[in-house]
Amino acid sequence: MTRIVATLADISAQYDALFVDLWGCVHDGVKALPDAVAALQVYRKTGGKVVLVTNSPRPRAGVIKQLAHFGVPDDAWDTIATSGDSARSAMYRGAVGNKVWFIGEDRDQKFFEPLGLLENPVSIEQVPLDQAEGIVCTGPTDPMADPATMRPQFLLAKQKGLKLLCANPDIVVDRGEVREWCAGALAALYTEMGGESLYFGKPHPPIYDLARRRLAALGRDVPDDRILAIGDGVLTDIKGALGEDIDSLFISGGLAASETKTGFQPDKDALSHYLEKEKSTPTYAIGFLR
């Protein structure tokens, strides 16, 4: 049974580290959420460690710049694990070959910057689809376009037997008041069409392995039963936490705000119905991180 809590402080003493989602929890894609920032700052002052675990396709350095732009202060977090870093590592190990067809916005070209920590990385060349050995997807070229517009290209890719590396498993995200499609929607379509998609963000294990390594690099050996995952996605944040056997705090006022009738807090019956429908069992729930 999911327990609704009033604040993070009500439960935080049970945990030595937090794995915290960003979009919908710490910022809304436009600006920082002040109550969430304050809650994380208080938690860190008690000695807890905050690992920001995000499905952003950007490298960690890019996320740091984005956080500063949104107004999230440095003292609200300790380290960052991104889906982009995990996916880039796989790409440079040759997961989808040397010649790749890229799907994404121009701003995501940083995904192809050299990965200095990897020994003997493969050489990656961006090529047209008909020359490709694999696909790298950081997101739609137009986040507002229906993913189904990619069906013709995906049909050819499937016929060629190409694997699709998905750098962001999120299906949608809310940028302020606007909902946008993410790479996960394209990967899901490709899989539905019979293609093979490779995932490296939440809810899949690689990003949690990375998050644990980043936590260990802080000098903290934290067992899983002392880690709390926080996020607003039942299919990403909560599903991933359940798969890793770690406790979770569901932020109902994010992606599922309407389904859970969240004002300040979720409606108890609406929350229960939503979680039952999604077959999800977070440990705790709260309207917004505070």
C-alpha atoms as a PDB file:
ATOM      1  CA  MET A   1       0.000   0.000   0.000  1.00  0.00           C
ATOM      2  CA  THR A   2       1.449   3.347  -1.073  1.00  0.00           C
ATOM      3  CA  ARG A   3       1.677   5.816   1.808  1.00  0.00           C
ATOM      4  CA  ILE A   4       0.976   9.493   1.114  1.00  0.00           C
ATOM      5  CA  VAL A   5       3.479  11.725   2.924  1.00  0.00           C
ATOM      6  CA  ALA A   6       3.444  15.463   3.567  1.00  0.00           C
ATOM      7  CA  THR A   7       7.143  16.232   3.067  1.00  0.00           C
ATOM      8  CA  LEU A   8      10.404  14.528   2.170  1.00  0.00           C
ATOM      9  CA  ALA A   9      11.602  15.194   5.720  1.00  0.00           C
ATOM     10  CA  ASP A  10       8.907  12.847   7.021  1.00  0.00           C
ATOM     11  CA  ILE A  11      10.793   9.849   5.614  1.00  0.00           C
ATOM     12  CA  SER A  12      14.285  11.035   4.668  1.00  0.00           C
ATOM     13  CA  ALA A  13      16.008   9.931   7.893  1.00  0.00           C
ATOM     14  CA  GLN A  14      15.594   6.317   6.710  1.00  0.00           C
ATOM     15  CA  TYR A  15      17.820   6.950   3.688  1.00  0.00           C
ATOM     16  CA  ASP A  16      21.469   7.857   3.159  1.00  0.00           C
ATOM     17  CA  ALA A  17      21.087   8.722  -0.523  1.00  0.00           C
ATOM     18  CA  LEU A  18      18.431   9.875  -2.959  1.00  0.00           C
ATOM     19  CA  PHE A  19      18.192   9.044  -6.676  1.00  0.00           C
ATOM     20  CA  VAL A  20      16.206  12.071  -7.846  1.00  0.00           C
ATOM     21  CA  ASP A  21      14.543  12.602 -11.211  1.00  0.00           C
ATOM     22  CA  LEU A  22      14.860  16.108 -12.630  1.00  0.00           C
ATOM     23  CA  TRP A  23      12.083  17.011 -15.054  1.00  0.00           C
ATOM     24  CA  GLY A  24       8.781  17.324 -13.194  1.00  0.00           C
ATOM     25  CA  CYS A  25      10.471  16.970  -9.818  1.00  0.00           C
ATOM     26  CA  VAL A  26      13.269  19.543  -9.475  1.00  0.00           C
ATOM     27  CA  HIS A  27      12.403  21.727 -12.480  1.00  0.00           C
ATOM     28  CA  ASP A  28       9.558  21.961 -14.995  1.00  0.00           C
ATOM     29  CA  GLY A  29      11.677  22.293 -18.121  1.00  0.00           C
ATOM     30  CA  VAL A  30      11.670  26.087 -17.775  1.00  0.00           C
ATOM     31  CA  LYS A  31      12.583  26.944 -14.198  1.00  0.00           C
ATOM     32  CA  ALA A  32      13.544  25.375 -10.875  1.00  0.00           C
ATOM     33  CA  LEU A  33      10.797  24.317  -8.446  1.00  0.00           C
ATOM     34  CA  PRO A  34      11.682  26.213  -5.242  1.00  0.00           C
ATOM     35  CA  ASP A  35      10.113  23.817  -2.729  1.00  0.00           C
ATOM     36  CA  ALA A  36      11.916  20.854  -4.275  1.00  0.00           C
ATOM     37  CA  VAL A  37      15.236  22.687  -4.234  1.00  0.00           C
ATOM     38  CA  ALA A  38      14.741  23.623  -0.579  1.00  0.00           C
ATOM     39  CA  ALA A  39      13.887  20.027   0.380  1.00  0.00           C
ATOM     40  CA  LEU A  40      17.068  18.712  -1.241  1.00  0.00           C
ATOM     41  CA  GLN A  41      19.182  21.412   0.380  1.00  0.00           C
ATOM     42  CA  VAL A  42      17.810  20.489   3.813  1.00  0.00           C
ATOM     43  CA  TYR A  43      18.412  16.794   3.147  1.00  0.00           C
ATOM     44  CA  ARG A  44      22.039  17.406   2.183  1.00  0.00           C
ATOM     45  CA  LYS A  45      22.603  19.436   5.338  1.00  0.00           C
ATOM     46  CA  THR A  46      21.707  16.330   7.351  1.00  0.00           C
ATOM     47  CA  GLY A  47      24.508  14.425   5.596  1.00  0.00           C
ATOM     48  CA  GLY A  48      22.481  12.742   2.864  1.00  0.00           C
ATOM     49  CA  LYS A  49      23.748  12.467  -0.699  1.00  0.00           C
ATOM     50  CA  VAL A  50      21.680  13.519  -3.720  1.00  0.00           C
ATOM     51  CA  VAL A  51      22.288  11.817  -7.059  1.00  0.00           C
ATOM     52  CA  LEU A  52      20.306  13.392  -9.875  1.00  0.00           C
ATOM     53  CA  VAL A  53      19.293  10.474 -12.114  1.00  0.00           C
ATOM     54  CA  THR A  54      17.892  11.785 -15.360  1.00  0.00           C
ATOM     55  CA  ASN A  55      16.785  10.385 -18.696  1.00  0.00           C
ATOM     56  CA  SER A  56      18.258  13.424 -20.404  1.00  0.00           C
ATOM     57  CA  PRO A  57      20.232  12.404 -23.515  1.00  0.00           C
ATOM     58  CA  ARG A  58      22.764  15.106 -22.677  1.00  0.00           C
ATOM     59  CA  PRO A  59      26.184  14.396 -21.150  1.00  0.00           C
ATOM     60  CA  ARG A  60      26.542  15.294 -17.480  1.00  0.00           C
ATOM     61  CA  ALA A  61      28.302  18.581 -18.293  1.00  0.00           C
ATOM     62  CA  GLY A  62      25.360  19.639 -20.443  1.00  0.00           C
ATOM     63  CA  VAL A  63      22.875  18.891 -17.676  1.00  0.00           C
ATOM     64  CA  ILE A  64      24.943  20.948 -15.221  1.00  0.00           C
ATOM     65  CA  LYS A  65      24.716  23.948 -17.568  1.00  0.00           C
ATOM     66  CA  GLN A  66      20.986  23.386 -17.990  1.00  0.00           C
ATOM     67  CA  LEU A  67      20.456  23.261 -14.217  1.00  0.00           C
ATOM     68  CA  ALA A  68      22.247  26.579 -13.816  1.00  0.00           C
ATOM     69  CA  HIS A  69      20.077  28.074 -16.562  1.00  0.00           C
ATOM     70  CA  PHE A  70      16.909  26.888 -14.796  1.00  0.00           C
ATOM     71  CA  GLY A  71      18.116  28.266 -11.461  1.00  0.00           C
ATOM     72  CA  VAL A  72      18.817  24.983  -9.635  1.00  0.00           C
ATOM     73  CA  PRO A  73      21.676  25.788  -7.218  1.00  0.00           C
ATOM     74  CA  ASP A  74      24.757  23.590  -6.850  1.00  0.00           C
ATOM     75  CA  ASP A  75      24.085  22.948  -3.157  1.00  0.00           C
ATOM     76  CA  ALA A  76      20.886  21.016  -3.977  1.00  0.00           C
ATOM     77  CA  TRP A  77      22.759  18.004  -5.397  1.00  0.00           C
ATOM     78  CA  ASP A  78      26.023  16.078  -5.217  1.00  0.00           C
ATOM     79  CA  THR A  79      26.422  14.296  -8.547  1.00  0.00           C
ATOM     80  CA  ILE A  80      24.545  13.409 -11.734  1.00  0.00           C
ATOM     81  CA  ALA A  81      23.918  10.237 -13.754  1.00  0.00           C
ATOM     82  CA  THR A  82      22.395  10.775 -17.192  1.00  0.00           C
ATOM     83  CA  SER A  83      20.866   8.398 -19.679  1.00  0.00           C
ATOM     84  CA  GLY A  84      22.991  10.188 -22.251  1.00  0.00           C
ATOM     85  CA  ASP A  85      26.246   9.248 -20.527  1.00  0.00           C
ATOM     86  CA  SER A  86      25.168   5.615 -20.242  1.00  0.00           C
ATOM     87  CA  ALA A  87      24.030   5.501 -23.874  1.00  0.00           C
ATOM     88  CA  ARG A  88      27.153   7.268 -25.165  1.00  0.00           C
ATOM     89  CA  SER A  89      29.325   4.702 -23.439  1.00  0.00           C
ATOM     90  CA  ALA A  90      27.412   1.920 -25.181  1.00  0.00           C
ATOM     91  CA  MET A  91      27.627   3.677 -28.546  1.00  0.00           C
ATOM     92  CA  TYR A  92      31.397   4.092 -28.275  1.00  0.00           C
ATOM     93  CA  ARG A  93      31.662   0.417 -27.390  1.00  0.00           C
ATOM     94  CA  GLY A  94      30.055  -0.363 -30.745  1.00  0.00           C
ATOM     95  CA  ALA A  95      26.504  -1.263 -29.637  1.00  0.00           C
ATOM     96  CA  VAL A  96      25.012  -0.069 -32.951  1.00  0.00           C
ATOM     97  CA  GLY A  97      28.061  -0.212 -35.206  1.00  0.00           C
ATOM     98  CA  ASN A  98      30.350   2.483 -36.576  1.00  0.00           C
ATOM     99  CA  LYS A  99      28.070   4.145 -39.124  1.00  0.00           C
ATOM    100  CA  VAL A 100      24.939   5.515 -37.493  1.00  0.00           C
ATOM    101  CA  TRP A 101      21.823   7.347 -38.619  1.00  0.00           C
ATOM    102  CA  PHE A 102      21.079  10.085 -36.089  1.00  0.00           C
ATOM    103  CA  ILE A 103      17.574  11.114 -34.998  1.00  0.00           C
ATOM    104  CA  GLY A 104      17.492  14.221 -32.833  1.00  0.00           C
ATOM    105  CA  GLU A 105      17.720  17.989 -32.670  1.00  0.00           C
ATOM    106  CA  ASP A 106      20.865  19.860 -33.679  1.00  0.00           C
ATOM    107  CA  ARG A 107      21.485  20.838 -30.052  1.00  0.00           C
ATOM    108  CA  ASP A 108      22.014  17.151 -29.218  1.00  0.00           C
ATOM    109  CA  GLN A 109      25.135  16.856 -31.379  1.00  0.00           C
ATOM    110  CA  LYS A 110      27.129  16.999 -28.148  1.00  0.00           C
ATOM    111  CA  PHE A 111      26.102  13.353 -27.752  1.00  0.00           C
ATOM    112  CA  PHE A 112      28.822  12.556 -30.286  1.00  0.00           C
ATOM    113  CA  GLU A 113      31.631  14.346 -28.464  1.00  0.00           C
ATOM    114  CA  PRO A 114      34.558  12.023 -27.596  1.00  0.00           C
ATOM    115  CA  LEU A 115      34.180   9.983 -24.422  1.00  0.00           C
ATOM    116  CA  GLY A 116      37.562  10.363 -22.754  1.00  0.00           C
ATOM    117  CA  LEU A 117      37.120   7.778 -19.986  1.00  0.00           C
ATOM    118  CA  LEU A 118      36.617   4.870 -22.395  1.00  0.00           C
ATOM    119  CA  GLU A 119      39.591   2.849 -23.634  1.00  0.00           C
ATOM    120  CA  ASN A 120      39.732   2.141 -27.374  1.00  0.00           C
ATOM    121  CA  PRO A 121      36.362   3.644 -28.340  1.00  0.00           C
ATOM    122  CA  VAL A 122      35.048   2.794 -31.795  1.00  0.00           C
ATOM    123  CA  SER A 123      35.017   5.513 -34.431  1.00  0.00           C
ATOM    124  CA  ILE A 124      31.479   6.820 -35.010  1.00  0.00           C
ATOM    125  CA  GLU A 125      30.378   8.312 -38.327  1.00  0.00           C
ATOM    126  CA  GLN A 126      26.949   9.871 -38.920  1.00  0.00           C
ATOM    127  CA  VAL A 127      25.521   8.745 -42.260  1.00  0.00           C
ATOM    128  CA  PRO A 128      22.163   8.676 -44.103  1.00  0.00           C
ATOM    129  CA  LEU A 129      19.754   5.868 -43.224  1.00  0.00           C
ATOM    130  CA  ASP A 130      20.490   3.829 -46.348  1.00  0.00           C
ATOM    131  CA  GLN A 131      24.192   3.654 -45.372  1.00  0.00           C
ATOM    132  CA  ALA A 132      23.704   3.063 -41.642  1.00  0.00           C
ATOM    133  CA  GLU A 133      24.672   0.081 -39.487  1.00  0.00           C
ATOM    134  CA  GLY A 134      22.554   1.325 -36.596  1.00  0.00           C
ATOM    135  CA  ILE A 135      20.445   4.190 -35.270  1.00  0.00           C
ATOM    136  CA  VAL A 136      21.127   6.684 -32.477  1.00  0.00           C
ATOM    137  CA  CYS A 137      18.051   8.527 -31.194  1.00  0.00           C
ATOM    138  CA  THR A 138      18.247  11.351 -28.649  1.00  0.00           C
ATOM    139  CA  GLY A 139      14.698  12.487 -29.411  1.00  0.00           C
ATOM    140  CA  PRO A 140      12.416  13.526 -32.271  1.00  0.00           C
ATOM    141  CA  THR A 141      13.677  16.190 -34.659  1.00  0.00           C
ATOM    142  CA  ASP A 142      10.330  17.868 -33.944  1.00  0.00           C
ATOM    143  CA  PRO A 143       9.134  17.152 -30.372  1.00  0.00           C
ATOM    144  CA  MET A 144       5.582  18.204 -31.281  1.00  0.00           C
ATOM    145  CA  ALA A 145       5.224  15.866 -34.266  1.00  0.00           C
ATOM    146  CA  ASP A 146       3.366  12.547 -33.990  1.00  0.00           C
ATOM    147  CA  PRO A 147       5.941   9.718 -33.718  1.00  0.00           C
ATOM    148  CA  ALA A 148       3.986   7.858 -36.418  1.00  0.00           C
ATOM    149  CA  THR A 149       5.519  10.187 -39.004  1.00  0.00           C
ATOM    150  CA  MET A 150       8.680   8.067 -38.638  1.00  0.00           C
ATOM    151  CA  ARG A 151       7.013   4.863 -39.866  1.00  0.00           C
ATOM    152  CA  PRO A 152       8.427   4.957 -43.425  1.00  0.00           C
ATOM    153  CA  GLN A 153      12.018   5.381 -42.220  1.00  0.00           C
ATOM    154  CA  PHE A 154      11.555   2.786 -39.481  1.00  0.00           C
ATOM    155  CA  LEU A 155      10.194   0.283 -41.969  1.00  0.00           C
ATOM    156  CA  LEU A 156      13.393   0.569 -43.998  1.00  0.00           C
ATOM    157  CA  ALA A 157      15.514   0.416 -40.838  1.00  0.00           C
ATOM    158  CA  LYS A 158      13.723  -2.733 -39.682  1.00  0.00           C
ATOM    159  CA  GLN A 159      14.219  -4.345 -43.077  1.00  0.00           C
ATOM    160  CA  LYS A 160      17.944  -3.573 -42.784  1.00  0.00           C
ATOM    161  CA  GLY A 161      17.998  -5.151 -39.313  1.00  0.00           C
ATOM    162  CA  LEU A 162      19.243  -1.993 -37.616  1.00  0.00           C
ATOM    163  CA  LYS A 163      19.290  -1.628 -33.833  1.00  0.00           C
ATOM    164  CA  LEU A 164      18.057   1.649 -32.366  1.00  0.00           C
ATOM    165  CA  LEU A 165      19.993   3.088 -29.426  1.00  0.00           C
ATOM    166  CA  CYS A 166      17.544   5.128 -27.344  1.00  0.00           C
ATOM    167  CA  ALA A 167      19.281   7.816 -25.293  1.00  0.00           C
ATOM    168  CA  ASN A 168      16.106   8.843 -23.427  1.00  0.00           C
ATOM    169  CA  PRO A 169      13.436   6.214 -22.611  1.00  0.00           C
ATOM    170  CA  ASP A 170      10.876   8.856 -21.575  1.00  0.00           C
ATOM    171  CA  ILE A 171       7.748   8.811 -23.746  1.00  0.00           C
ATOM    172  CA  VAL A 172       6.655  12.389 -23.047  1.00  0.00           C
ATOM    173  CA  VAL A 173       7.794  15.321 -20.943  1.00  0.00           C
ATOM    174  CA  ASP A 174       6.094  18.567 -19.896  1.00  0.00           C
ATOM    175  CA  ARG A 175       8.054  21.709 -20.747  1.00  0.00           C
ATOM    176  CA  GLY A 176       6.172  24.202 -18.622  1.00  0.00           C
ATOM    177  CA  GLU A 177       2.585  23.757 -19.820  1.00  0.00           C
ATOM    178  CA  VAL A 178       3.506  22.095 -23.123  1.00  0.00           C
ATOM    179  CA  ARG A 179       3.763  18.302 -23.510  1.00  0.00           C
ATOM    180  CA  GLU A 180       6.480  17.055 -25.875  1.00  0.00           C
ATOM    181  CA  TRP A 181       7.402  13.671 -27.310  1.00  0.00           C
ATOM    182  CA  CYS A 182      10.727  12.101 -26.281  1.00  0.00           C
ATOM    183  CA  ALA A 183      13.038   9.468 -27.749  1.00  0.00           C
ATOM    184  CA  GLY A 184      11.235   6.715 -25.854  1.00  0.00           C
ATOM    185  CA  ALA A 185       8.137   7.253 -27.983  1.00  0.00           C
ATOM    186  CA  LEU A 186      10.146   6.629 -31.160  1.00  0.00           C
ATOM    187  CA  ALA A 187      11.884   3.595 -29.668  1.00  0.00           C
ATOM    188  CA  ALA A 188       8.519   2.170 -28.607  1.00  0.00           C
ATOM    189  CA  LEU A 189       7.164   2.653 -32.137  1.00  0.00           C
ATOM    190  CA  TYR A 190      10.235   0.975 -33.643  1.00  0.00           C
ATOM    191  CA  THR A 191       9.874  -1.973 -31.280  1.00  0.00           C
ATOM    192  CA  GLU A 192       6.149  -2.204 -32.050  1.00  0.00           C
ATOM    193  CA  MET A 193       7.051  -2.384 -35.756  1.00  0.00           C
ATOM    194  CA  GLY A 194       9.383  -5.312 -35.096  1.00  0.00           C
ATOM    195  CA  GLY A 195      12.674  -3.464 -34.739  1.00  0.00           C
ATOM    196  CA  GLU A 196      15.116  -3.811 -31.835  1.00  0.00           C
ATOM    197  CA  SER A 197      15.573  -0.900 -29.433  1.00  0.00           C
ATOM    198  CA  LEU A 198      18.338  -0.626 -26.836  1.00  0.00           C
ATOM    199  CA  TYR A 199      17.599   1.412 -23.707  1.00  0.00           C
ATOM    200  CA  PHE A 200      20.034   2.957 -21.217  1.00  0.00           C
ATOM    201  CA  GLY A 201      17.946   5.229 -19.004  1.00  0.00           C
ATOM    202  CA  LYS A 202      15.260   4.580 -16.424  1.00  0.00           C
ATOM    203  CA  PRO A 203      13.723   2.031 -15.883  1.00  0.00           C
ATOM    204  CA  HIS A 204      16.596  -0.027 -17.318  1.00  0.00           C
ATOM    205  CA  PRO A 205      19.573  -1.276 -15.250  1.00  0.00           C
ATOM    206  CA  PRO A 206      22.504   0.569 -16.945  1.00  0.00           C
ATOM    207  CA  ILE A 207      21.618   3.990 -15.547  1.00  0.00           C
ATOM    208  CA  TYR A 208      21.249   2.614 -12.016  1.00  0.00           C
ATOM    209  CA  ASP A 209      24.669   0.995 -12.294  1.00  0.00           C
ATOM    210  CA  LEU A 210      26.022   4.394 -13.331  1.00  0.00           C
ATOM    211  CA  ALA A 211      24.196   6.132 -10.467  1.00  0.00           C
ATOM    212  CA  ARG A 212      25.695   3.715  -7.941  1.00  0.00           C
ATOM    213  CA  ARG A 213      29.168   4.286  -9.373  1.00  0.00           C
ATOM    214  CA  ARG A 214      28.698   8.046  -9.135  1.00  0.00           C
ATOM    215  CA  LEU A 215      27.507   7.641  -5.537  1.00  0.00           C
ATOM    216  CA  ALA A 216      30.497   5.447  -4.676  1.00  0.00           C
ATOM    217  CA  ALA A 217      32.810   8.084  -6.167  1.00  0.00           C
ATOM    218  CA  LEU A 218      31.551  10.436  -3.440  1.00  0.00           C
ATOM    219  CA  GLY A 219      33.070   8.071  -0.884  1.00  0.00           C
ATOM    220  CA  ARG A 220      29.772   6.585   0.254  1.00  0.00           C
ATOM    221  CA  ASP A 221      29.049   2.855   0.260  1.00  0.00           C
ATOM    222  CA  VAL A 222      25.258   2.944   0.487  1.00  0.00           C
ATOM    223  CA  PRO A 223      23.250  -0.315   0.508  1.00  0.00           C
ATOM    224  CA  ASP A 224      20.132  -0.417  -1.643  1.00  0.00           C
ATOM    225  CA  ASP A 225      17.790  -0.415   1.356  1.00  0.00           C
ATOM    226  CA  ARG A 226      19.182   3.016   2.299  1.00  0.00           C
ATOM    227  CA  ILE A 227      18.480   4.551  -1.150  1.00  0.00           C
ATOM    228  CA  LEU A 228      15.207   6.304  -2.043  1.00  0.00           C
ATOM    229  CA  ALA A 229      14.286   6.936  -5.687  1.00  0.00           C
ATOM    230  CA  ILE A 230      12.125   9.988  -6.399  1.00  0.00           C
ATOM    231  CA  GLY A 231      10.270  10.680  -9.627  1.00  0.00           C
ATOM    232  CA  ASP A 232       7.016  11.462 -11.410  1.00  0.00           C
ATOM    233  CA  GLY A 233       7.067   8.653 -13.986  1.00  0.00           C
ATOM    234  CA  VAL A 234       5.499   5.327 -12.984  1.00  0.00           C
ATOM    235  CA  LEU A 235       6.879   3.665 -16.131  1.00  0.00           C
ATOM    236  CA  THR A 236      10.394   5.032 -15.639  1.00  0.00           C
ATOM    237  CA  ASP A 237      11.248   6.254 -12.133  1.00  0.00           C
ATOM    238  CA  ILE A 238       8.971   3.947 -10.150  1.00  0.00           C
ATOM    239  CA  LYS A 239       9.289   0.895 -12.397  1.00  0.00           C
ATOM    240  CA  GLY A 240      13.057   1.277 -12.332  1.00  0.00           C
ATOM    241  CA  ALA A 241      13.140   1.535  -8.545  1.00  0.00           C
ATOM    242  CA  LEU A 242      10.999  -1.581  -8.211  1.00  0.00           C
ATOM    243  CA  GLY A 243      13.316  -3.426 -10.583  1.00  0.00           C
ATOM    244  CA  GLU A 244      16.321  -2.402  -8.519  1.00  0.00           C
ATOM    245  CA  ASP A 245      14.534  -3.288  -5.248  1.00  0.00           C
ATOM    246  CA  ILE A 246      14.856   0.209  -3.824  1.00  0.00           C
ATOM    247  CA  ASP A 247      12.146   2.299  -2.164  1.00  0.00           C
ATOM    248  CA  SER A 248      10.440   5.044  -4.153  1.00  0.00           C
ATOM    249  CA  LEU A 249       8.597   8.336  -3.695  1.00  0.00           C
ATOM    250  CA  PHE A 250       6.107   9.050  -6.480  1.00  0.00           C
ATOM    251  CA  ILE A 251       5.574  12.724  -7.369  1.00  0.00           C
ATOM    252  CA  SER A 252       1.913  12.689  -8.386  1.00  0.00           C
ATOM    253  CA  GLY A 253       1.796  16.346  -9.465  1.00  0.00           C
ATOM    254  CA  GLY A 254       4.018  15.766 -12.497  1.00  0.00           C
ATOM    255  CA  LEU A 255       3.056  13.671 -15.501  1.00  0.00           C
ATOM    256  CA  ALA A 256       0.043  12.161 -13.706  1.00  0.00           C
ATOM    257  CA  ALA A 257      -1.321  15.352 -12.129  1.00  0.00           C
ATOM    258  CA  SER A 258      -4.722  15.121 -13.818  1.00  0.00           C
ATOM    259  CA  GLU A 259      -5.126  11.354 -13.334  1.00  0.00           C
ATOM    260  CA  THR A 260      -4.339  11.635  -9.613  1.00  0.00           C
ATOM    261  CA  LYS A 261      -6.321  14.882  -9.169  1.00  0.00           C
ATOM    262  CA  THR A 262      -3.306  16.466  -7.553  1.00  0.00           C
ATOM    263  CA  GLY A 263      -3.685  19.937  -6.131  1.00  0.00           C
ATOM    264  CA  PHE A 264      -1.400  20.330  -3.149  1.00  0.00           C
ATOM    265  CA  GLN A 265      -1.641  16.561  -2.614  1.00  0.00           C
ATOM    266  CA  PRO A 266      -3.098  13.710  -4.680  1.00  0.00           C
ATOM    267  CA  ASP A 267      -6.676  12.635  -4.152  1.00  0.00           C
ATOM    268  CA  LYS A 268      -6.367   9.367  -2.259  1.00  0.00           C
ATOM    269  CA  ASP A 269      -8.946   7.459  -4.321  1.00  0.00           C
ATOM    270  CA  ALA A 270      -7.727   8.850  -7.646  1.00  0.00           C
ATOM    271  CA  LEU A 271      -4.146   7.962  -6.764  1.00  0.00           C
ATOM    272  CA  SER A 272      -5.141   4.432  -5.793  1.00  0.00           C
ATOM    273  CA  HIS A 273      -7.105   3.981  -9.033  1.00  0.00           C
ATOM    274  CA  TYR A 274      -4.241   5.329 -11.135  1.00  0.00           C
ATOM    275  CA  LEU A 275      -1.599   3.128  -9.511  1.00  0.00           C
ATOM    276  CA  GLU A 276      -3.855   0.083  -9.781  1.00  0.00           C
ATOM    277  CA  LYS A 277      -4.434   0.810 -13.482  1.00  0.00           C
ATOM    278  CA  GLU A 278      -0.690   1.200 -14.067  1.00  0.00           C
ATOM    279  CA  LYS A 279       0.113  -1.827 -11.889  1.00  0.00           C
ATOM    280  CA  SER A 280       2.587   0.296  -9.955  1.00  0.00           C
ATOM    281  CA  THR A 281       3.363   0.175  -6.231  1.00  0.00           C
ATOM    282  CA  PRO A 282       5.598   3.047  -5.111  1.00  0.00           C
ATOM    283  CA  THR A 283       6.514   3.026  -1.443  1.00  0.00           C
ATOM    284  CA  TYR A 284       5.353   6.613  -0.920  1.00  0.00           C
ATOM    285  CA  ALA A 285       3.544   9.364  -2.806  1.00  0.00           C
ATOM    286  CA  ILE A 286       3.442  13.143  -2.498  1.00  0.00           C
ATOM    287  CA  GLY A 287       1.902  15.909  -4.600  1.00  0.00           C
ATOM    288  CA  PHE A 288       5.164  17.743  -5.206  1.00  0.00           C
ATOM    289  CA  LEU A 289       8.673  17.354  -3.848  1.00  0.00           C
ATOM    290  CA  ARG A 290       8.952  19.587  -0.804  1.00  0.00           C
END
